């Protein structure tokens, strides 16, 4: 998708979009973290809505945001509870 240029850097000190290589590393790290901890990524049920017309042809990739969220997590709420 054309969104690669919109993804921010993993390190705030770096400039420019994230490379495909760094994105692949982040996806692997996210997968390992979820496997090790059993945590889940935030649910974004609207992403599968067929009526949405995405600006760049498809939904955005939340890998970087999800990785930052899970790495910075301080509380684990019970399934189904209000967070």
C-alpha atoms as a PDB file:
ATOM      1  CA  UNK A   1       0.000   0.000   0.000  1.00  0.00           C
ATOM      2  CA  UNK A   2       0.954   3.589  -0.436  1.00  0.00           C
ATOM      3  CA  UNK A   3       1.017   4.132   3.310  1.00  0.00           C
ATOM      4  CA  UNK A   4       4.593   3.064   3.901  1.00  0.00           C
ATOM      5  CA  UNK A   5       5.766   6.653   3.641  1.00  0.00           C
ATOM      6  CA  UNK A   6       3.320   7.714   6.390  1.00  0.00           C
ATOM      7  CA  UNK A   7       4.659   5.361   9.067  1.00  0.00           C
ATOM      8  CA  UNK A   8       6.714   7.119  11.672  1.00  0.00           C
ATOM      9  CA  UNK A   9      10.148   6.063  12.833  1.00  0.00           C
ATOM     10  CA  UNK A  10      10.563   3.569  15.690  1.00  0.00           C
ATOM     11  CA  UNK A  11      13.137   5.852  17.283  1.00  0.00           C
ATOM     12  CA  UNK A  12      11.913   9.436  17.775  1.00  0.00           C
ATOM     13  CA  UNK A  13      15.468  10.679  17.136  1.00  0.00           C
ATOM     14  CA  UNK A  14      15.361   9.259  13.573  1.00  0.00           C
ATOM     15  CA  UNK A  15      13.823  11.097  10.701  1.00  0.00           C
ATOM     16  CA  UNK A  16      11.808   9.781   7.790  1.00  0.00           C
ATOM     17  CA  UNK A  17       9.483   6.823   7.285  1.00  0.00           C
ATOM     18  CA  UNK A  18      10.135   3.358   8.656  1.00  0.00           C
ATOM     19  CA  UNK A  19      11.753   0.946   6.228  1.00  0.00           C
ATOM     20  CA  UNK A  20      10.138  -2.325   5.221  1.00  0.00           C
ATOM     21  CA  UNK A  21      12.998  -4.126   7.012  1.00  0.00           C
ATOM     22  CA  UNK A  22      12.338  -2.290  10.304  1.00  0.00           C
ATOM     23  CA  UNK A  23       8.600  -2.923   9.922  1.00  0.00           C
ATOM     24  CA  UNK A  24       9.262  -6.658   9.476  1.00  0.00           C
ATOM     25  CA  UNK A  25      11.443  -6.612  12.627  1.00  0.00           C
ATOM     26  CA  UNK A  26       8.634  -4.869  14.538  1.00  0.00           C
ATOM     27  CA  UNK A  27       6.105  -7.470  13.319  1.00  0.00           C
ATOM     28  CA  UNK A  28       8.379 -10.279  14.521  1.00  0.00           C
ATOM     29  CA  UNK A  29       8.922  -8.578  17.887  1.00  0.00           C
ATOM     30  CA  UNK A  30       5.167  -8.048  18.283  1.00  0.00           C
ATOM     31  CA  UNK A  31       4.473 -11.692  17.430  1.00  0.00           C
ATOM     32  CA  UNK A  32       7.084 -12.907  19.944  1.00  0.00           C
ATOM     33  CA  UNK A  33       5.742 -10.608  22.669  1.00  0.00           C
ATOM     34  CA  UNK A  34       2.167 -11.816  22.130  1.00  0.00           C
ATOM     35  CA  UNK A  35       3.293 -15.464  22.147  1.00  0.00           C
ATOM     36  CA  UNK A  36       5.390 -15.042  25.293  1.00  0.00           C
ATOM     37  CA  UNK A  37       2.820 -13.064  27.308  1.00  0.00           C
ATOM     38  CA  UNK A  38      -0.517 -14.182  25.846  1.00  0.00           C
ATOM     39  CA  UNK A  39      -1.524 -10.532  25.442  1.00  0.00           C
ATOM     40  CA  UNK A  40      -3.772  -9.409  22.608  1.00  0.00           C
ATOM     41  CA  UNK A  41      -3.587  -6.419  20.330  1.00  0.00           C
ATOM     42  CA  UNK A  42      -6.294  -3.751  20.698  1.00  0.00           C
ATOM     43  CA  UNK A  43      -9.455  -4.685  18.821  1.00  0.00           C
ATOM     44  CA  UNK A  44     -10.288  -2.540  15.827  1.00  0.00           C
ATOM     45  CA  UNK A  45     -13.455  -4.168  14.525  1.00  0.00           C
ATOM     46  CA  UNK A  46     -14.134  -1.368  12.047  1.00  0.00           C
ATOM     47  CA  UNK A  47     -11.060  -2.350  10.040  1.00  0.00           C
ATOM     48  CA  UNK A  48     -12.967  -5.132   8.274  1.00  0.00           C
ATOM     49  CA  UNK A  49     -15.944  -2.955   7.301  1.00  0.00           C
ATOM     50  CA  UNK A  50     -16.397  -3.294   3.524  1.00  0.00           C
ATOM     51  CA  UNK A  51     -18.171   0.094   3.344  1.00  0.00           C
ATOM     52  CA  UNK A  52     -15.072   2.044   4.389  1.00  0.00           C
ATOM     53  CA  UNK A  53     -13.174   3.664   1.528  1.00  0.00           C
ATOM     54  CA  UNK A  54      -9.579   3.838   2.694  1.00  0.00           C
ATOM     55  CA  UNK A  55      -7.524   6.778   1.531  1.00  0.00           C
ATOM     56  CA  UNK A  56      -4.624   4.576   0.381  1.00  0.00           C
ATOM     57  CA  UNK A  57      -6.624   1.574  -0.810  1.00  0.00           C
ATOM     58  CA  UNK A  58      -6.631  -0.425   2.426  1.00  0.00           C
ATOM     59  CA  UNK A  59      -6.581  -0.152   6.197  1.00  0.00           C
ATOM     60  CA  UNK A  60      -3.487   1.212   7.942  1.00  0.00           C
ATOM     61  CA  UNK A  61      -0.911  -1.059   9.531  1.00  0.00           C
ATOM     62  CA  UNK A  62      -0.972  -0.628  13.330  1.00  0.00           C
ATOM     63  CA  UNK A  63       2.092  -2.793  14.021  1.00  0.00           C
ATOM     64  CA  UNK A  64       4.197   0.059  15.418  1.00  0.00           C
ATOM     65  CA  UNK A  65       1.353   1.428  17.566  1.00  0.00           C
ATOM     66  CA  UNK A  66       0.444  -2.035  18.879  1.00  0.00           C
ATOM     67  CA  UNK A  67       4.061  -2.835  19.722  1.00  0.00           C
ATOM     68  CA  UNK A  68       4.484   0.442  21.614  1.00  0.00           C
ATOM     69  CA  UNK A  69       1.186  -0.152  23.430  1.00  0.00           C
ATOM     70  CA  UNK A  70       2.072  -3.666  24.574  1.00  0.00           C
ATOM     71  CA  UNK A  71       5.648  -2.772  25.542  1.00  0.00           C
ATOM     72  CA  UNK A  72       4.440   0.172  27.619  1.00  0.00           C
ATOM     73  CA  UNK A  73       1.525  -1.611  29.208  1.00  0.00           C
ATOM     74  CA  UNK A  74       1.306  -1.186  32.993  1.00  0.00           C
ATOM     75  CA  UNK A  75      -1.973  -2.973  33.789  1.00  0.00           C
ATOM     76  CA  UNK A  76      -3.688  -6.107  32.537  1.00  0.00           C
ATOM     77  CA  UNK A  77      -7.461  -5.915  32.859  1.00  0.00           C
ATOM     78  CA  UNK A  78      -9.686  -8.978  33.071  1.00  0.00           C
ATOM     79  CA  UNK A  79     -11.235 -10.099  29.795  1.00  0.00           C
ATOM     80  CA  UNK A  80     -14.566  -8.313  29.263  1.00  0.00           C
ATOM     81  CA  UNK A  81     -13.992  -5.710  31.988  1.00  0.00           C
ATOM     82  CA  UNK A  82     -13.963  -1.975  31.402  1.00  0.00           C
ATOM     83  CA  UNK A  83     -10.412  -0.800  31.063  1.00  0.00           C
END
